[in-house]
Protein backbone atom coordinates (compact mmCIF):
# COMPACT_ATOMS: atom_id res chain seq x y z
CA MET A 1 -39.12 -9.12 -10.17
CA GLU A 2 -38.18 -11.22 -7.88
CA ASP A 3 -34.34 -10.44 -8.91
CA GLN A 4 -35.22 -7.00 -8.43
CA ALA A 5 -36.52 -7.65 -5.02
CA GLU A 6 -33.17 -9.42 -3.76
CA THR A 7 -31.27 -6.81 -5.53
CA LEU A 8 -33.01 -3.98 -3.57
CA ARG A 9 -32.70 -6.21 -0.38
CA LEU A 10 -28.63 -6.28 -0.82
CA LEU A 11 -28.97 -2.53 -1.35
CA MET A 12 -30.58 -2.06 1.85
CA LYS A 13 -28.16 -3.91 4.24
CA ASP A 14 -25.44 -2.63 2.31
CA LYS A 15 -26.88 0.82 3.14
CA ASN A 16 -27.42 -0.17 6.54
CA ARG A 17 -23.72 -1.93 7.07
CA PHE A 18 -21.94 1.53 5.52
CA GLU A 19 -23.61 3.37 7.96
CA GLU A 20 -23.35 1.46 10.81
CA THR A 21 -19.61 1.23 9.99
CA GLN A 22 -19.44 5.18 9.13
CA GLU A 23 -21.02 5.22 13.12
CA ALA A 24 -18.64 2.94 14.33
CA VAL A 25 -15.32 4.69 13.09
CA SER A 26 -16.33 8.05 14.17
CA ASP A 27 -16.85 6.98 18.20
CA PRO A 28 -13.52 7.38 20.04
CA ALA A 29 -10.86 5.00 19.96
CA PRO A 30 -10.78 2.65 22.73
CA ARG A 31 -7.96 3.49 25.45
CA ASN A 32 -5.83 0.57 24.74
CA ALA A 33 -6.41 0.44 20.81
CA ARG A 34 -3.41 0.43 18.93
CA LYS A 35 -2.40 3.64 16.61
CA THR A 36 -1.90 2.03 12.83
CA ARG A 37 -0.04 3.83 10.05
CA ILE A 38 -0.50 2.70 6.91
CA ILE A 39 1.63 3.24 4.37
CA THR A 40 0.82 2.72 0.72
CA VAL A 41 3.49 1.97 -1.91
CA THR A 42 2.76 2.54 -5.33
CA SER A 43 4.41 3.11 -8.57
CA GLY A 44 3.76 4.69 -12.05
CA LYS A 45 4.40 1.72 -14.02
CA GLY A 46 5.38 -1.83 -13.34
CA GLY A 47 9.00 -3.26 -12.99
CA VAL A 48 10.57 -0.33 -10.90
CA GLY A 49 10.74 -2.32 -8.23
CA LYS A 50 7.80 -1.47 -6.04
CA THR A 51 6.95 -4.83 -4.57
CA ASN A 52 10.87 -5.40 -3.68
CA VAL A 53 10.59 -1.84 -1.50
CA ALA A 54 7.30 -2.66 -0.10
CA THR A 55 8.16 -6.55 1.18
CA ASN A 56 11.77 -5.26 2.69
CA MET A 57 10.13 -1.99 4.22
CA ALA A 58 8.09 -4.50 5.99
CA ILE A 59 10.36 -6.59 7.04
CA THR A 60 12.29 -3.53 8.55
CA TYR A 61 9.92 -2.60 10.46
CA GLY A 62 9.25 -6.00 11.86
CA GLN A 63 13.10 -6.12 12.73
CA MET A 64 12.62 -2.54 14.89
CA GLY A 65 9.79 -4.63 16.74
CA LYS A 66 7.20 -3.25 15.00
CA LYS A 67 3.69 -5.54 14.64
CA VAL A 68 3.84 -5.34 10.83
CA ILE A 69 1.04 -6.42 8.51
CA LEU A 70 1.59 -6.96 4.49
CA ILE A 71 -1.39 -6.17 2.21
CA ASP A 72 -0.55 -7.80 -1.45
CA ALA A 73 -3.38 -5.28 -2.79
CA ASP A 74 -1.80 -6.07 -6.54
CA LEU A 75 -5.34 -7.74 -7.33
CA GLY A 76 -4.62 -8.49 -10.97
CA MET A 77 -1.08 -9.51 -10.56
CA ALA A 78 0.43 -10.27 -6.73
CA ASN A 79 3.28 -11.70 -6.01
CA VAL A 80 4.22 -10.60 -2.80
CA ASN A 81 4.51 -14.47 -1.31
CA VAL A 82 6.34 -14.88 -4.46
CA MET A 83 9.32 -12.55 -3.13
CA MET A 84 9.06 -14.89 0.56
CA ASN A 85 8.92 -18.14 -1.00
CA LEU A 86 5.24 -18.90 0.20
CA ILE A 87 2.09 -20.75 -1.43
CA PRO A 88 -0.83 -18.86 0.24
CA GLN A 89 -3.46 -21.62 0.41
CA TYR A 90 -6.17 -18.62 0.65
CA ASN A 91 -5.76 -15.07 -0.58
CA LEU A 92 -8.17 -11.71 -1.20
CA TYR A 93 -9.87 -13.28 -3.49
CA HIS A 94 -11.75 -15.79 -0.75
CA VAL A 95 -12.46 -12.19 1.21
CA MET A 96 -13.89 -11.19 -1.71
CA ARG A 97 -16.06 -14.28 -2.27
CA LYS A 98 -17.09 -14.10 1.19
CA GLN A 99 -15.84 -18.07 1.58
CA LYS A 100 -13.04 -16.68 3.86
CA LYS A 101 -12.56 -14.06 6.87
CA MET A 102 -10.08 -11.58 6.69
CA SER A 103 -8.15 -13.32 9.76
CA GLU A 104 -8.49 -16.99 8.01
CA ILE A 105 -6.16 -15.67 5.61
CA ILE A 106 -3.46 -13.73 6.99
CA LEU A 107 -0.03 -15.73 6.51
CA ASP A 108 2.71 -15.70 9.47
CA THR A 109 6.36 -15.91 7.95
CA GLU A 110 9.29 -16.46 8.90
CA TYR A 111 10.90 -12.48 8.85
CA GLY A 112 8.60 -11.46 11.62
CA ILE A 113 5.67 -10.00 9.80
CA LYS A 114 2.49 -11.41 8.81
CA LEU A 115 1.25 -11.34 4.81
CA VAL A 116 -2.26 -10.89 3.49
CA ALA A 117 -1.73 -12.46 0.24
CA GLY A 118 -3.39 -10.84 -3.05
CA ALA A 119 -4.70 -12.79 -5.92
CA SER A 120 -2.94 -13.42 -8.86
CA GLY A 121 -4.87 -14.13 -12.79
CA PHE A 122 -8.43 -12.94 -10.92
CA SER A 123 -9.41 -10.35 -13.33
CA LYS A 124 -13.00 -10.05 -11.56
CA ILE A 125 -10.97 -8.76 -8.12
CA ALA A 126 -9.54 -6.43 -10.04
CA ASN A 127 -12.84 -4.59 -10.40
CA MET A 128 -14.49 -5.06 -7.17
CA THR A 129 -18.14 -4.06 -7.09
CA GLU A 130 -19.36 -2.03 -4.67
CA GLU A 131 -20.94 -4.84 -2.70
CA GLU A 132 -17.75 -6.52 -3.06
CA ARG A 133 -15.59 -3.61 -1.87
CA ASN A 134 -17.95 -2.40 1.43
CA SER A 135 -17.63 -6.32 2.27
CA PHE A 136 -13.91 -5.95 1.81
CA ILE A 137 -13.59 -2.80 3.83
CA GLU A 138 -15.35 -4.35 6.73
CA GLU A 139 -13.09 -7.30 6.91
CA LEU A 140 -10.25 -4.28 7.04
CA TYR A 141 -10.68 -3.93 10.66
CA SER A 142 -9.50 -7.43 11.83
CA LEU A 143 -5.97 -5.43 10.80
CA SER A 144 -6.53 -2.91 13.49
CA ASP A 145 -4.21 -3.87 16.13
CA ALA A 146 -0.56 -3.81 13.89
CA ASP A 147 1.44 -0.82 14.26
CA ILE A 148 2.50 -0.33 11.01
CA ILE A 149 0.17 -1.49 7.70
CA ILE A 150 2.10 -1.61 4.37
CA ILE A 151 -0.18 -1.84 1.06
CA ASP A 152 1.25 -2.80 -1.72
CA THR A 153 -0.99 -1.71 -4.82
CA SER A 154 -1.09 -2.66 -8.67
CA ALA A 155 1.16 -0.32 -10.54
CA GLY A 156 -0.24 2.58 -12.39
CA ILE A 157 -4.43 4.06 -11.97
CA SER A 158 -7.27 1.89 -11.08
CA LYS A 159 -10.32 2.86 -8.64
CA ASN A 160 -8.60 0.27 -6.63
CA VAL A 161 -5.27 2.36 -6.34
CA LEU A 162 -6.58 5.43 -5.71
CA GLY A 163 -8.77 4.54 -2.82
CA PHE A 164 -5.86 2.84 -0.79
CA VAL A 165 -3.79 6.11 -2.16
CA ALA A 166 -6.21 8.61 -0.63
CA ALA A 167 -6.54 6.92 2.45
CA ALA A 168 -3.16 6.09 3.59
CA ASP A 169 -1.32 8.07 6.15
CA GLU A 170 1.43 7.97 3.75
CA VAL A 171 1.80 7.73 -0.11
CA VAL A 172 5.10 6.30 -1.59
CA VAL A 173 6.06 6.33 -5.02
CA VAL A 174 8.63 4.28 -6.58
CA THR A 175 10.64 5.35 -9.37
CA THR A 176 13.95 4.78 -11.18
CA PRO A 177 16.20 6.98 -13.15
CA GLU A 178 14.76 5.62 -16.51
CA PRO A 179 13.10 8.57 -18.52
CA THR A 180 9.79 5.68 -18.89
CA ALA A 181 9.69 5.66 -15.05
CA ILE A 182 9.53 9.24 -14.36
CA THR A 183 6.99 10.19 -16.62
CA ASP A 184 4.97 7.48 -15.68
CA ALA A 185 5.56 8.40 -11.88
CA TYR A 186 4.39 12.37 -12.87
CA GLY A 187 1.69 10.75 -14.44
CA MET A 188 0.91 8.83 -11.42
CA ILE A 189 1.62 12.20 -9.25
CA LYS A 190 -0.89 14.47 -11.56
CA ILE A 191 -3.59 11.88 -11.28
CA ILE A 192 -3.07 11.97 -7.34
CA ALA A 193 -3.36 15.89 -7.72
CA THR A 194 -6.55 16.06 -9.84
CA GLU A 195 -8.47 12.72 -8.34
CA VAL A 196 -7.68 13.12 -4.55
CA ASP A 197 -7.66 15.55 -1.79
CA ASN A 198 -4.17 16.85 -1.77
CA LEU A 199 -4.39 19.31 0.86
CA ASN A 200 -4.60 16.30 3.54
CA ILE A 201 -2.27 13.68 0.91
CA ASN A 202 1.21 13.00 2.38
CA LEU A 203 2.95 11.86 -0.72
CA LYS A 204 6.51 10.78 -0.47
CA MET A 205 9.16 9.63 -2.91
CA ILE A 206 11.86 6.39 -3.50
CA VAL A 207 14.33 6.63 -6.56
CA ASN A 208 15.28 2.83 -6.99
CA ARG A 209 17.93 1.64 -8.57
CA VAL A 210 20.25 4.83 -9.04
CA GLN A 211 23.98 4.83 -9.55
CA THR A 212 24.93 7.43 -7.15
CA ALA A 213 23.08 9.62 -4.66
CA SER A 214 23.16 12.37 -7.11
CA GLU A 215 21.34 10.52 -9.57
CA GLY A 216 18.61 10.07 -7.11
CA LYS A 217 18.54 13.61 -5.88
CA ARG A 218 18.54 15.08 -9.30
CA VAL A 219 15.71 12.74 -10.41
CA ALA A 220 13.74 13.82 -7.26
CA ASP A 221 14.29 17.29 -7.23
CA ARG A 222 13.28 17.47 -10.80
CA MET A 223 10.10 15.71 -9.55
CA ILE A 224 9.41 17.76 -6.66
CA GLN A 225 9.75 21.21 -8.73
CA ILE A 226 7.31 20.41 -10.92
CA ALA A 227 4.49 19.12 -9.15
CA ALA A 228 5.23 22.22 -6.91
CA GLN A 229 4.88 24.37 -9.90
CA PHE A 230 2.11 22.74 -11.93
CA LEU A 231 0.04 20.64 -9.33
CA ASN A 232 0.69 22.86 -6.36
CA LEU A 233 1.27 19.28 -4.43
CA LYS A 234 4.12 18.91 -2.33
CA ILE A 235 6.51 15.80 -2.09
CA GLU A 236 8.98 14.47 0.18
CA TYR A 237 12.12 12.78 -0.91
CA LEU A 238 12.61 9.95 1.30
CA GLY A 239 15.60 8.87 -0.34
CA PHE A 240 17.26 6.12 -2.76
CA ILE A 241 18.24 2.96 -2.95
CA TYR A 242 21.38 1.62 -5.53
CA ASP A 243 20.81 -0.46 -8.49
CA ASP A 244 22.56 -3.61 -6.35
CA LEU A 245 23.36 -6.98 -8.40
CA LEU A 246 22.20 -8.97 -4.82
CA VAL A 247 18.82 -7.63 -5.21
CA SER A 248 18.53 -9.77 -8.48
CA GLN A 249 20.06 -12.68 -6.61
CA SER A 250 17.63 -11.96 -4.02
CA VAL A 251 14.73 -12.20 -6.19
CA LEU A 252 15.79 -15.38 -7.94
CA ARG A 253 16.32 -17.32 -4.26
CA GLN A 254 13.22 -16.15 -3.10
CA LYS A 255 14.46 -14.18 -0.36
CA PRO A 256 14.18 -11.01 0.71
CA PHE A 257 17.13 -8.31 0.24
CA ILE A 258 16.81 -6.81 3.63
CA ILE A 259 17.72 -10.78 4.98
CA ASN A 260 19.71 -12.14 2.23
CA ASP A 261 22.17 -9.14 2.48
CA PRO A 262 21.52 -6.76 5.33
CA LYS A 263 24.96 -4.83 5.32
CA GLY A 264 24.52 -4.64 1.33
CA LYS A 265 23.98 -1.00 -0.47
CA ALA A 266 20.52 -1.60 -1.01
CA SER A 267 19.75 -2.78 2.29
CA VAL A 268 21.60 -0.27 4.12
CA CYS A 269 19.57 2.46 1.84
CA LEU A 270 16.36 1.13 2.73
CA ARG A 271 16.86 1.01 6.74
CA HIS A 272 17.82 4.70 6.23
CA ILE A 273 14.31 5.32 4.28
CA VAL A 274 12.31 3.83 7.15
CA SER A 275 14.16 5.51 9.88
CA ARG A 276 13.33 8.82 7.76
CA ILE A 277 9.77 7.77 7.94
CA GLU A 278 9.67 6.80 11.80
CA LYS A 279 11.17 10.54 12.57
CA THR A 280 7.68 11.57 11.22
CA ASP A 281 5.01 11.84 13.22
CA PHE A 282 1.41 10.87 11.79
CA GLN A 283 -1.50 12.65 14.09
CA GLU A 284 -3.70 11.63 16.47
CA THR A 285 -6.59 12.14 13.95
CA GLU A 286 -4.81 9.63 11.69
CA GLY A 287 -4.77 5.91 11.77
CA PHE A 288 -6.69 2.98 11.51
CA GLY A 289 -9.80 5.41 11.84
CA ARG A 290 -8.77 7.55 9.11
CA PHE A 291 -7.98 5.34 6.96
CA MET A 292 -11.36 3.30 7.24
CA ARG A 293 -13.41 6.67 6.91
CA LYS A 294 -11.83 7.50 3.69
CA LEU A 295 -12.32 4.36 2.13
CA LEU A 296 -16.00 4.20 2.82
CA GLY A 297 -16.46 7.52 1.84
CA ARG A 298 -14.79 7.60 -1.38
CA ASP A 299 -16.60 8.13 -4.56
CA TRP A 300 -16.05 4.71 -6.64
CA SER A 301 -17.89 5.78 -9.51
């Protein structure tokens, strides 16, 4: 009986917090509020270079003078910090357990961006309860002064991945020309089309590890055609990234390739991709407020 009463108290507390937060994000933003752009980077399968793309994309934005926060939301197998040779003392797990505030786990990096580290090996955080998720969402508010928030999700489909996909201003799907990667990318896009309000989804694609520009365009054109024909979904092709040996060497050195080899083929490709994203303005109704409303309003069942 006592447990049941405590459960009811928690439910009422969560309900009140939800209503207060919904009201807060519905209010007009302060005049000096920063307009935050949220980009979710995801993939249909692991091993396609998704985390590499997200990490180097964030650093590229930082080099442009943007205030950038990179969130490692691969909650099961987080490894963005490994890419940058960082050993975080605290991570998202501590936030979920309410042991730390989001502001207390943010890491400054030598690359001009901030990192919110994920929680490798914690299976519990990969399947957040509603209470934990709502608490986590509240903590995200402390990140709203950034210009750019890039979210590196786990590969494949989960409730958490779909939540970040549905809430972002832009969703970047990373694939490679390999048949399995293409198949899984299409599977990912198909789930997005059926599970997410695709009238508002801003879906983009990067083809990684290509040998030629025409190879990347061929993969993207085929995916765009199939998505339009069978899913009634529009996908924008952002560009390709060459298969560059120096990228693998950068991973081994734990130094992002945009820093390790700034004039390399992969770096040039990535800067071109970021410039394409920047040329597309997102609407005033979007940004951090929309991101929070989408996360809070999503049916997580």
